[in-house]
Amino acid sequence: MGIYIGIRIYANVISYVPEEVDVMSKTNVGILGGFLSFFLVLFVNQTNGRFLEMYGFSKACSGRIQDVAGLARVQLPKESADKLVKHFNAAQIAGYVGLNAIG
């Protein structure tokens, strides 16, 4: 923040304006910036929507694993229930890391 403030003060104090900067002041940079801002907002909105959708799927999967774990503890022998819950947790973790062939 200090660097930005220093540059702004320096820019307002100096009387010499480079020719390249003077040429840019006559162009429509604002219009280009507006279009870029619009597309940036659109991109971030779509990315956030996809993230929230996938997060919802992940939380739903986690909830179903909790349901199965509860039922397994009540209905199955302890060793079988532990093994089943471990397999479900491993399947969910494999979904996060996206296991696939290398090469």
PDB file of N, CA and C in Angstrom:
ATOM      1  N   MET A   1       0.827  -1.184   0.000  1.00  0.00           N
ATOM      2  CA  MET A   1       0.000   0.000   0.000  1.00  0.00           C
ATOM      3  C   MET A   1       0.874   1.251   0.000  1.00  0.00           C
ATOM      4  N   GLY A   2       1.957   1.177   0.737  1.00  0.00           N
ATOM      5  CA  GLY A   2       2.870   2.317   0.788  1.00  0.00           C
ATOM      6  C   GLY A   2       3.513   2.598  -0.558  1.00  0.00           C
ATOM      7  N   ILE A   3       3.860   1.527  -1.292  1.00  0.00           N
ATOM      8  CA  ILE A   3       4.453   1.710  -2.619  1.00  0.00           C
ATOM      9  C   ILE A   3       3.461   2.387  -3.550  1.00  0.00           C
ATOM     10  N   TYR A   4       2.196   1.947  -3.498  1.00  0.00           N
ATOM     11  CA  TYR A   4       1.167   2.557  -4.347  1.00  0.00           C
ATOM     12  C   TYR A   4       1.004   4.040  -4.025  1.00  0.00           C
ATOM     13  N   ILE A   5       0.936   4.369  -2.744  1.00  0.00           N
ATOM     14  CA  ILE A   5       0.774   5.772  -2.341  1.00  0.00           C
ATOM     15  C   ILE A   5       1.982   6.592  -2.778  1.00  0.00           C
ATOM     16  N   GLY A   6       3.191   6.018  -2.620  1.00  0.00           N
ATOM     17  CA  GLY A   6       4.399   6.725  -3.054  1.00  0.00           C
ATOM     18  C   GLY A   6       4.393   6.997  -4.551  1.00  0.00           C
ATOM     19  N   ILE A   7       3.993   6.022  -5.341  1.00  0.00           N
ATOM     20  CA  ILE A   7       3.936   6.212  -6.799  1.00  0.00           C
ATOM     21  C   ILE A   7       2.901   7.256  -7.164  1.00  0.00           C
ATOM     22  N   ARG A   8       1.755   7.240  -6.497  1.00  0.00           N
ATOM     23  CA  ARG A   8       0.714   8.230  -6.796  1.00  0.00           C
ATOM     24  C   ARG A   8       1.173   9.645  -6.442  1.00  0.00           C
ATOM     25  N   ILE A   9       1.842   9.791  -5.322  1.00  0.00           N
ATOM     26  CA  ILE A   9       2.353  11.117  -4.937  1.00  0.00           C
ATOM     27  C   ILE A   9       3.403  11.572  -5.939  1.00  0.00           C
ATOM     28  N   TYR A  10       4.318  10.684  -6.299  1.00  0.00           N
ATOM     29  CA  TYR A  10       5.353  11.026  -7.280  1.00  0.00           C
ATOM     30  C   TYR A  10       4.735  11.396  -8.622  1.00  0.00           C
ATOM     31  N   ALA A  11       3.710  10.675  -9.050  1.00  0.00           N
ATOM     32  CA  ALA A  11       3.066  10.954 -10.330  1.00  0.00           C
ATOM     33  C   ALA A  11       2.376  12.311 -10.324  1.00  0.00           C
ATOM     34  N   ASN A  12       1.847  12.730  -9.189  1.00  0.00           N
ATOM     35  CA  ASN A  12       1.165  14.024  -9.112  1.00  0.00           C
ATOM     36  C   ASN A  12       2.132  15.190  -8.923  1.00  0.00           C
ATOM     37  N   VAL A  13       3.332  14.913  -8.420  1.00  0.00           N
ATOM     38  CA  VAL A  13       4.298  15.973  -8.160  1.00  0.00           C
ATOM     39  C   VAL A  13       5.109  16.318  -9.407  1.00  0.00           C
ATOM     40  N   ILE A  14       5.483  15.317 -10.204  1.00  0.00           N
ATOM     41  CA  ILE A  14       6.352  15.580 -11.355  1.00  0.00           C
ATOM     42  C   ILE A  14       5.587  16.330 -12.442  1.00  0.00           C
ATOM     43  N   SER A  15       6.291  17.204 -13.129  1.00  0.00           N
ATOM     44  CA  SER A  15       5.656  17.955 -14.212  1.00  0.00           C
ATOM     45  C   SER A  15       5.944  17.327 -15.565  1.00  0.00           C
ATOM     46  N   TYR A  16       6.985  16.481 -15.632  1.00  0.00           N
ATOM     47  CA  TYR A  16       7.333  15.825 -16.885  1.00  0.00           C
ATOM     48  C   TYR A  16       6.456  14.596 -17.080  1.00  0.00           C
ATOM     49  N   VAL A  17       5.789  14.525 -18.226  1.00  0.00           N
ATOM     50  CA  VAL A  17       4.966  13.369 -18.554  1.00  0.00           C
ATOM     51  C   VAL A  17       5.572  12.697 -19.778  1.00  0.00           C
ATOM     52  N   PRO A  18       5.964  11.427 -19.672  1.00  0.00           N
ATOM     53  CA  PRO A  18       6.530  10.748 -20.837  1.00  0.00           C
ATOM     54  C   PRO A  18       5.533  10.712 -21.995  1.00  0.00           C
ATOM     55  N   GLU A  19       6.068  10.680 -23.209  1.00  0.00           N
ATOM     56  CA  GLU A  19       5.234  10.711 -24.407  1.00  0.00           C
ATOM     57  C   GLU A  19       4.291   9.503 -24.464  1.00  0.00           C
ATOM     58  N   GLU A  20       4.758   8.324 -24.013  1.00  0.00           N
ATOM     59  CA  GLU A  20       3.921   7.118 -24.048  1.00  0.00           C
ATOM     60  C   GLU A  20       2.702   7.261 -23.137  1.00  0.00           C
ATOM     61  N   VAL A  21       2.903   7.863 -21.989  1.00  0.00           N
ATOM     62  CA  VAL A  21       1.796   8.065 -21.057  1.00  0.00           C
ATOM     63  C   VAL A  21       0.806   9.074 -21.618  1.00  0.00           C
ATOM     64  N   ASP A  22       1.329  10.124 -22.266  1.00  0.00           N
ATOM     65  CA  ASP A  22       0.447  11.132 -22.863  1.00  0.00           C
ATOM     66  C   ASP A  22      -0.401  10.526 -23.972  1.00  0.00           C
ATOM     67  N   VAL A  23       0.165   9.623 -24.764  1.00  0.00           N
ATOM     68  CA  VAL A  23      -0.601   8.956 -25.824  1.00  0.00           C
ATOM     69  C   VAL A  23      -1.686   8.076 -25.215  1.00  0.00           C
ATOM     70  N   MET A  24      -1.366   7.381 -24.125  1.00  0.00           N
ATOM     71  CA  MET A  24      -2.355   6.494 -23.498  1.00  0.00           C
ATOM     72  C   MET A  24      -3.509   7.276 -22.890  1.00  0.00           C
ATOM     73  N   SER A  25      -3.286   8.521 -22.488  1.00  0.00           N
ATOM     74  CA  SER A  25      -4.362   9.304 -21.893  1.00  0.00           C
ATOM     75  C   SER A  25      -5.423   9.683 -22.920  1.00  0.00           C
ATOM     76  N   LYS A  26      -5.090   9.610 -24.204  1.00  0.00           N
ATOM     77  CA  LYS A  26      -6.039   9.948 -25.259  1.00  0.00           C
ATOM     78  C   LYS A  26      -6.787   8.735 -25.809  1.00  0.00           C
ATOM     79  N   THR A  27      -6.486   7.549 -25.312  1.00  0.00           N
ATOM     80  CA  THR A  27      -7.141   6.338 -25.804  1.00  0.00           C
ATOM     81  C   THR A  27      -8.313   5.976 -24.903  1.00  0.00           C
ATOM     82  N   ASN A  28      -9.087   5.022 -25.347  1.00  0.00           N
ATOM     83  CA  ASN A  28     -10.262   4.572 -24.584  1.00  0.00           C
ATOM     84  C   ASN A  28      -9.921   3.346 -23.747  1.00  0.00           C
ATOM     85  N   VAL A  29      -9.009   3.506 -22.815  1.00  0.00           N
ATOM     86  CA  VAL A  29      -8.608   2.406 -21.949  1.00  0.00           C
ATOM     87  C   VAL A  29      -9.757   2.033 -21.017  1.00  0.00           C
ATOM     88  N   GLY A  30     -10.574   2.993 -20.669  1.00  0.00           N
ATOM     89  CA  GLY A  30     -11.708   2.721 -19.780  1.00  0.00           C
ATOM     90  C   GLY A  30     -12.684   1.719 -20.367  1.00  0.00           C
ATOM     91  N   ILE A  31     -12.921   1.811 -21.668  1.00  0.00           N
ATOM     92  CA  ILE A  31     -13.840   0.874 -22.319  1.00  0.00           C
ATOM     93  C   ILE A  31     -13.257  -0.532 -22.287  1.00  0.00           C
ATOM     94  N   LEU A  32     -11.977  -0.650 -22.615  1.00  0.00           N
ATOM     95  CA  LEU A  32     -11.320  -1.950 -22.568  1.00  0.00           C
ATOM     96  C   LEU A  32     -11.325  -2.506 -21.147  1.00  0.00           C
ATOM     97  N   GLY A  33     -11.052  -1.667 -20.183  1.00  0.00           N
ATOM     98  CA  GLY A  33     -11.088  -2.092 -18.785  1.00  0.00           C
ATOM     99  C   GLY A  33     -12.468  -2.546 -18.360  1.00  0.00           C
ATOM    100  N   GLY A  34     -13.495  -1.880 -18.867  1.00  0.00           N
ATOM    101  CA  GLY A  34     -14.869  -2.291 -18.559  1.00  0.00           C
ATOM    102  C   GLY A  34     -15.181  -3.672 -19.095  1.00  0.00           C
ATOM    103  N   PHE A  35     -14.780  -3.928 -20.354  1.00  0.00           N
ATOM    104  CA  PHE A  35     -14.996  -5.255 -20.923  1.00  0.00           C
ATOM    105  C   PHE A  35     -14.223  -6.325 -20.157  1.00  0.00           C
ATOM    106  N   LEU A  36     -12.978  -6.038 -19.827  1.00  0.00           N
ATOM    107  CA  LEU A  36     -12.185  -7.009 -19.075  1.00  0.00           C
ATOM    108  C   LEU A  36     -12.798  -7.273 -17.705  1.00  0.00           C
ATOM    109  N   SER A  37     -13.281  -6.246 -17.048  1.00  0.00           N
ATOM    110  CA  SER A  37     -13.921  -6.423 -15.744  1.00  0.00           C
ATOM    111  C   SER A  37     -15.175  -7.267 -15.864  1.00  0.00           C
ATOM    112  N   PHE A  38     -15.959  -7.025 -16.917  1.00  0.00           N
ATOM    113  CA  PHE A  38     -17.180  -7.804 -17.136  1.00  0.00           C
ATOM    114  C   PHE A  38     -16.853  -9.278 -17.310  1.00  0.00           C
ATOM    115  N   PHE A  39     -15.873  -9.587 -18.159  1.00  0.00           N
ATOM    116  CA  PHE A  39     -15.526 -10.981 -18.388  1.00  0.00           C
ATOM    117  C   PHE A  39     -14.898 -11.616 -17.153  1.00  0.00           C
ATOM    118  N   LEU A  40     -14.151 -10.849 -16.390  1.00  0.00           N
ATOM    119  CA  LEU A  40     -13.580 -11.369 -15.154  1.00  0.00           C
ATOM    120  C   LEU A  40     -14.676 -11.728 -14.162  1.00  0.00           C
ATOM    121  N   VAL A  41     -15.661 -10.862 -14.007  1.00  0.00           N
ATOM    122  CA  VAL A  41     -16.780 -11.139 -13.096  1.00  0.00           C
ATOM    123  C   VAL A  41     -17.550 -12.361 -13.576  1.00  0.00           C
ATOM    124  N   LEU A  42     -17.781 -12.458 -14.882  1.00  0.00           N
ATOM    125  CA  LEU A  42     -18.492 -13.605 -15.435  1.00  0.00           C
ATOM    126  C   LEU A  42     -17.718 -14.895 -15.170  1.00  0.00           C
ATOM    127  N   PHE A  43     -16.416 -14.885 -15.396  1.00  0.00           N
ATOM    128  CA  PHE A  43     -15.584 -16.064 -15.171  1.00  0.00           C
ATOM    129  C   PHE A  43     -15.597 -16.472 -13.701  1.00  0.00           C
ATOM    130  N   VAL A  44     -15.420 -15.511 -12.801  1.00  0.00           N
ATOM    131  CA  VAL A  44     -15.390 -15.821 -11.369  1.00  0.00           C
ATOM    132  C   VAL A  44     -16.743 -16.356 -10.908  1.00  0.00           C
ATOM    133  N   ASN A  45     -17.817 -15.798 -11.441  1.00  0.00           N
ATOM    134  CA  ASN A  45     -19.149 -16.266 -11.072  1.00  0.00           C
ATOM    135  C   ASN A  45     -19.356 -17.712 -11.508  1.00  0.00           C
ATOM    136  N   GLN A  46     -18.967 -18.052 -12.736  1.00  0.00           N
ATOM    137  CA  GLN A  46     -19.110 -19.429 -13.206  1.00  0.00           C
ATOM    138  C   GLN A  46     -18.220 -20.383 -12.420  1.00  0.00           C
ATOM    139  N   THR A  47     -16.999 -19.968 -12.137  1.00  0.00           N
ATOM    140  CA  THR A  47     -16.085 -20.813 -11.376  1.00  0.00           C
ATOM    141  C   THR A  47     -16.618 -21.061  -9.972  1.00  0.00           C
ATOM    142  N   ASN A  48     -17.126 -20.017  -9.344  1.00  0.00           N
ATOM    143  CA  ASN A  48     -17.685 -20.159  -8.004  1.00  0.00           C
ATOM    144  C   ASN A  48     -18.910 -21.067  -8.028  1.00  0.00           C
ATOM    145  N   GLY A  49     -19.742 -20.956  -9.049  1.00  0.00           N
ATOM    146  CA  GLY A  49     -20.912 -21.823  -9.172  1.00  0.00           C
ATOM    147  C   GLY A  49     -20.529 -23.287  -9.306  1.00  0.00           C
ATOM    148  N   ARG A  50     -19.512 -23.562 -10.134  1.00  0.00           N
ATOM    149  CA  ARG A  50     -19.053 -24.948 -10.286  1.00  0.00           C
ATOM    150  C   ARG A  50     -18.471 -25.475  -8.980  1.00  0.00           C
ATOM    151  N   PHE A  51     -17.711 -24.629  -8.284  1.00  0.00           N
ATOM    152  CA  PHE A  51     -17.132 -25.057  -7.004  1.00  0.00           C
ATOM    153  C   PHE A  51     -18.229 -25.385  -6.004  1.00  0.00           C
ATOM    154  N   LEU A  52     -19.227 -24.527  -5.890  1.00  0.00           N
ATOM    155  CA  LEU A  52     -20.298 -24.772  -4.925  1.00  0.00           C
ATOM    156  C   LEU A  52     -21.103 -26.017  -5.277  1.00  0.00           C
ATOM    157  N   GLU A  53     -21.293 -26.285  -6.560  1.00  0.00           N
ATOM    158  CA  GLU A  53     -22.001 -27.492  -6.974  1.00  0.00           C
ATOM    159  C   GLU A  53     -21.210 -28.741  -6.575  1.00  0.00           C
ATOM    160  N   MET A  54     -19.917 -28.740  -6.855  1.00  0.00           N
ATOM    161  CA  MET A  54     -19.090 -29.891  -6.498  1.00  0.00           C
ATOM    162  C   MET A  54     -18.958 -30.035  -4.976  1.00  0.00           C
ATOM    163  N   TYR A  55     -18.917 -28.927  -4.256  1.00  0.00           N
ATOM    164  CA  TYR A  55     -18.866 -28.986  -2.802  1.00  0.00           C
ATOM    165  C   TYR A  55     -20.151 -29.607  -2.255  1.00  0.00           C
ATOM    166  N   GLY A  56     -21.282 -29.255  -2.860  1.00  0.00           N
ATOM    167  CA  GLY A  56     -22.557 -29.859  -2.447  1.00  0.00           C
ATOM    168  C   GLY A  56     -22.568 -31.363  -2.670  1.00  0.00           C
ATOM    169  N   PHE A  57     -22.041 -31.809  -3.823  1.00  0.00           N
ATOM    170  CA  PHE A  57     -21.953 -33.244  -4.081  1.00  0.00           C
ATOM    171  C   PHE A  57     -21.052 -33.931  -3.060  1.00  0.00           C
ATOM    172  N   SER A  58     -19.933 -33.287  -2.737  1.00  0.00           N
ATOM    173  CA  SER A  58     -19.000 -33.855  -1.772  1.00  0.00           C
ATOM    174  C   SER A  58     -19.640 -33.985  -0.392  1.00  0.00           C
ATOM    175  N   LYS A  59     -20.349 -32.950   0.029  1.00  0.00           N
ATOM    176  CA  LYS A  59     -20.993 -33.002   1.349  1.00  0.00           C
ATOM    177  C   LYS A  59     -22.125 -34.026   1.368  1.00  0.00           C
ATOM    178  N   ALA A  60     -22.847 -34.174   0.250  1.00  0.00           N
ATOM    179  CA  ALA A  60     -23.903 -35.189   0.181  1.00  0.00           C
ATOM    180  C   ALA A  60     -23.300 -36.585   0.282  1.00  0.00           C
ATOM    181  N   CYS A  61     -22.167 -36.802  -0.399  1.00  0.00           N
ATOM    182  CA  CYS A  61     -21.478 -38.091  -0.326  1.00  0.00           C
ATOM    183  C   CYS A  61     -21.011 -38.369   1.100  1.00  0.00           C
ATOM    184  N   SER A  62     -20.477 -37.363   1.744  1.00  0.00           N
ATOM    185  CA  SER A  62     -20.031 -37.510   3.123  1.00  0.00           C
ATOM    186  C   SER A  62     -21.201 -37.850   4.045  1.00  0.00           C
ATOM    187  N   GLY A  63     -22.329 -37.234   3.799  1.00  0.00           N
ATOM    188  CA  GLY A  63     -23.523 -37.532   4.598  1.00  0.00           C
ATOM    189  C   GLY A  63     -23.996 -38.960   4.409  1.00  0.00           C
ATOM    190  N   ARG A  64     -23.947 -39.467   3.157  1.00  0.00           N
ATOM    191  CA  ARG A  64     -24.360 -40.851   2.922  1.00  0.00           C
ATOM    192  C   ARG A  64     -23.394 -41.825   3.578  1.00  0.00           C
ATOM    193  N   ILE A  65     -22.096 -41.470   3.591  1.00  0.00           N
ATOM    194  CA  ILE A  65     -21.118 -42.328   4.269  1.00  0.00           C
ATOM    195  C   ILE A  65     -21.404 -42.362   5.763  1.00  0.00           C
ATOM    196  N   GLN A  66     -21.786 -41.235   6.329  1.00  0.00           N
ATOM    197  CA  GLN A  66     -22.151 -41.213   7.754  1.00  0.00           C
ATOM    198  C   GLN A  66     -23.394 -42.061   8.014  1.00  0.00           C
ATOM    199  N   ASP A  67     -24.353 -42.012   7.097  1.00  0.00           N
ATOM    200  CA  ASP A  67     -25.557 -42.850   7.242  1.00  0.00           C
ATOM    201  C   ASP A  67     -25.192 -44.329   7.224  1.00  0.00           C
ATOM    202  N   VAL A  68     -24.350 -44.725   6.264  1.00  0.00           N
ATOM    203  CA  VAL A  68     -23.938 -46.126   6.153  1.00  0.00           C
ATOM    204  C   VAL A  68     -23.139 -46.532   7.389  1.00  0.00           C
ATOM    205  N   ALA A  69     -22.292 -45.637   7.878  1.00  0.00           N
ATOM    206  CA  ALA A  69     -21.493 -45.955   9.064  1.00  0.00           C
ATOM    207  C   ALA A  69     -22.389 -46.203  10.270  1.00  0.00           C
ATOM    208  N   GLY A  70     -23.400 -45.379  10.427  1.00  0.00           N
ATOM    209  CA  GLY A  70     -24.322 -45.578  11.545  1.00  0.00           C
ATOM    210  C   GLY A  70     -25.082 -46.882  11.438  1.00  0.00           C
ATOM    211  N   LEU A  71     -25.570 -47.181  10.241  1.00  0.00           N
ATOM    212  CA  LEU A  71     -26.301 -48.441  10.049  1.00  0.00           C
ATOM    213  C   LEU A  71     -25.377 -49.642  10.200  1.00  0.00           C
ATOM    214  N   ALA A  72     -24.154 -49.529   9.699  1.00  0.00           N
ATOM    215  CA  ALA A  72     -23.215 -50.644   9.789  1.00  0.00           C
ATOM    216  C   ALA A  72     -22.858 -50.941  11.238  1.00  0.00           C
ATOM    217  N   ARG A  73     -22.684 -49.925  12.052  1.00  0.00           N
ATOM    218  CA  ARG A  73     -22.348 -50.133  13.466  1.00  0.00           C
ATOM    219  C   ARG A  73     -23.470 -50.872  14.200  1.00  0.00           C
ATOM    220  N   VAL A  74     -24.697 -50.605  13.797  1.00  0.00           N
ATOM    221  CA  VAL A  74     -25.826 -51.212  14.498  1.00  0.00           C
ATOM    222  C   VAL A  74     -26.124 -52.616  13.963  1.00  0.00           C
ATOM    223  N   GLN A  75     -26.021 -52.809  12.650  1.00  0.00           N
ATOM    224  CA  GLN A  75     -26.487 -54.035  12.028  1.00  0.00           C
ATOM    225  C   GLN A  75     -25.405 -55.097  11.821  1.00  0.00           C
ATOM    226  N   LEU A  76     -24.146 -54.726  11.685  1.00  0.00           N
ATOM    227  CA  LEU A  76     -23.090 -55.669  11.342  1.00  0.00           C
ATOM    228  C   LEU A  76     -22.170 -55.916  12.535  1.00  0.00           C
ATOM    229  N   PRO A  77     -21.423 -57.015  12.473  1.00  0.00           N
ATOM    230  CA  PRO A  77     -20.395 -57.222  13.507  1.00  0.00           C
ATOM    231  C   PRO A  77     -19.340 -56.109  13.444  1.00  0.00           C
ATOM    232  N   LYS A  78     -18.683 -55.845  14.555  1.00  0.00           N
ATOM    233  CA  LYS A  78     -17.765 -54.708  14.650  1.00  0.00           C
ATOM    234  C   LYS A  78     -16.670 -54.741  13.588  1.00  0.00           C
ATOM    235  N   GLU A  79     -16.050 -55.901  13.348  1.00  0.00           N
ATOM    236  CA  GLU A  79     -14.968 -55.988  12.368  1.00  0.00           C
ATOM    237  C   GLU A  79     -15.471 -55.681  10.962  1.00  0.00           C
ATOM    238  N   SER A  80     -16.621 -56.240  10.600  1.00  0.00           N
ATOM    239  CA  SER A  80     -17.185 -55.999   9.265  1.00  0.00           C
ATOM    240  C   SER A  80     -17.598 -54.542   9.095  1.00  0.00           C
ATOM    241  N   ALA A  81     -18.168 -53.962  10.161  1.00  0.00           N
ATOM    242  CA  ALA A  81     -18.595 -52.560  10.086  1.00  0.00           C
ATOM    243  C   ALA A  81     -17.379 -51.648   9.913  1.00  0.00           C
ATOM    244  N   ASP A  82     -16.310 -51.905  10.667  1.00  0.00           N
ATOM    245  CA  ASP A  82     -15.095 -51.093  10.536  1.00  0.00           C
ATOM    246  C   ASP A  82     -14.514 -51.187   9.129  1.00  0.00           C
ATOM    247  N   LYS A  83     -14.477 -52.403   8.600  1.00  0.00           N
ATOM    248  CA  LYS A  83     -13.926 -52.611   7.267  1.00  0.00           C
ATOM    249  C   LYS A  83     -14.763 -51.886   6.210  1.00  0.00           C
ATOM    250  N   LEU A  84     -16.082 -51.968   6.326  1.00  0.00           N
ATOM    251  CA  LEU A  84     -16.970 -51.310   5.369  1.00  0.00           C
ATOM    252  C   LEU A  84     -16.799 -49.795   5.413  1.00  0.00           C
ATOM    253  N   VAL A  85     -16.747 -49.217   6.600  1.00  0.00           N
ATOM    254  CA  VAL A  85     -16.586 -47.768   6.739  1.00  0.00           C
ATOM    255  C   VAL A  85     -15.228 -47.323   6.195  1.00  0.00           C
ATOM    256  N   LYS A  86     -14.189 -48.113   6.446  1.00  0.00           N
ATOM    257  CA  LYS A  86     -12.860 -47.786   5.908  1.00  0.00           C
ATOM    258  C   LYS A  86     -12.872 -47.793   4.376  1.00  0.00           C
ATOM    259  N   HIS A  87     -13.576 -48.756   3.783  1.00  0.00           N
ATOM    260  CA  HIS A  87     -13.656 -48.802   2.324  1.00  0.00           C
ATOM    261  C   HIS A  87     -14.404 -47.591   1.766  1.00  0.00           C
ATOM    262  N   PHE A  88     -15.488 -47.199   2.411  1.00  0.00           N
ATOM    263  CA  PHE A  88     -16.231 -46.018   1.953  1.00  0.00           C
ATOM    264  C   PHE A  88     -15.384 -44.745   2.077  1.00  0.00           C
ATOM    265  N   ASN A  89     -14.667 -44.615   3.187  1.00  0.00           N
ATOM    266  CA  ASN A  89     -13.797 -43.448   3.360  1.00  0.00           C
ATOM    267  C   ASN A  89     -12.673 -43.435   2.335  1.00  0.00           C
ATOM    268  N   ALA A  90     -12.105 -44.614   2.045  1.00  0.00           N
ATOM    269  CA  ALA A  90     -11.048 -44.697   1.036  1.00  0.00           C
ATOM    270  C   ALA A  90     -11.599 -44.335  -0.347  1.00  0.00           C
ATOM    271  N   ALA A  91     -12.822 -44.749  -0.644  1.00  0.00           N
ATOM    272  CA  ALA A  91     -13.429 -44.413  -1.935  1.00  0.00           C
ATOM    273  C   ALA A  91     -13.641 -42.903  -2.050  1.00  0.00           C
ATOM    274  N   GLN A  92     -14.054 -42.263  -0.969  1.00  0.00           N
ATOM    275  CA  GLN A  92     -14.248 -40.813  -1.015  1.00  0.00           C
ATOM    276  C   GLN A  92     -12.908 -40.093  -1.191  1.00  0.00           C
ATOM    277  N   ILE A  93     -11.887 -40.534  -0.499  1.00  0.00           N
ATOM    278  CA  ILE A  93     -10.565 -39.913  -0.639  1.00  0.00           C
ATOM    279  C   ILE A  93     -10.036 -40.116  -2.051  1.00  0.00           C
ATOM    280  N   ALA A  94     -10.252 -41.306  -2.617  1.00  0.00           N
ATOM    281  CA  ALA A  94      -9.813 -41.560  -3.993  1.00  0.00           C
ATOM    282  C   ALA A  94     -10.522 -40.618  -4.963  1.00  0.00           C
ATOM    283  N   GLY A  95     -11.762 -40.274  -4.669  1.00  0.00           N
ATOM    284  CA  GLY A  95     -12.479 -39.313  -5.503  1.00  0.00           C
ATOM    285  C   GLY A  95     -11.887 -37.918  -5.426  1.00  0.00           C
ATOM    286  N   TYR A  96     -11.356 -37.554  -4.280  1.00  0.00           N
ATOM    287  CA  TYR A  96     -10.731 -36.236  -4.135  1.00  0.00           C
ATOM    288  C   TYR A  96      -9.417 -36.142  -4.895  1.00  0.00           C
ATOM    289  N   VAL A  97      -8.589 -37.175  -4.790  1.00  0.00           N
ATOM    290  CA  VAL A  97      -7.281 -37.096  -5.417  1.00  0.00           C
ATOM    291  C   VAL A  97      -7.317 -37.492  -6.885  1.00  0.00           C
ATOM    292  N   GLY A  98      -8.410 -38.082  -7.352  1.00  0.00           N
ATOM    293  CA  GLY A  98      -8.564 -38.404  -8.760  1.00  0.00           C
ATOM    294  C   GLY A  98      -7.527 -39.388  -9.246  1.00  0.00           C
ATOM    295  N   LEU A  99      -7.513 -40.568  -8.664  1.00  0.00           N
ATOM    296  CA  LEU A  99      -6.539 -41.565  -9.067  1.00  0.00           C
ATOM    297  C   LEU A  99      -6.758 -41.966 -10.522  1.00  0.00           C
ATOM    298  N   ASN A 100      -5.693 -41.927 -11.304  1.00  0.00           N
ATOM    299  CA  ASN A 100      -5.738 -42.391 -12.690  1.00  0.00           C
ATOM    300  C   ASN A 100      -4.339 -42.816 -13.111  1.00  0.00           C
ATOM    301  N   ALA A 101      -4.256 -43.396 -14.297  1.00  0.00           N
ATOM    302  CA  ALA A 101      -2.958 -43.899 -14.771  1.00  0.00           C
ATOM    303  C   ALA A 101      -2.012 -42.739 -15.083  1.00  0.00           C
ATOM    304  N   ILE A 102      -0.762 -42.926 -14.774  1.00  0.00           N
ATOM    305  CA  ILE A 102       0.261 -41.911 -15.057  1.00  0.00           C
ATOM    306  C   ILE A 102       0.900 -42.251 -16.403  1.00  0.00           C
ATOM    307  N   GLY A 103       1.079 -41.246 -17.240  1.00  0.00           N
ATOM    308  CA  GLY A 103       1.780 -41.484 -18.493  1.00  0.00           C
ATOM    309  C   GLY A 103       0.948 -41.264 -19.623  1.00  0.00           C
TER     310      GLY A 103
END
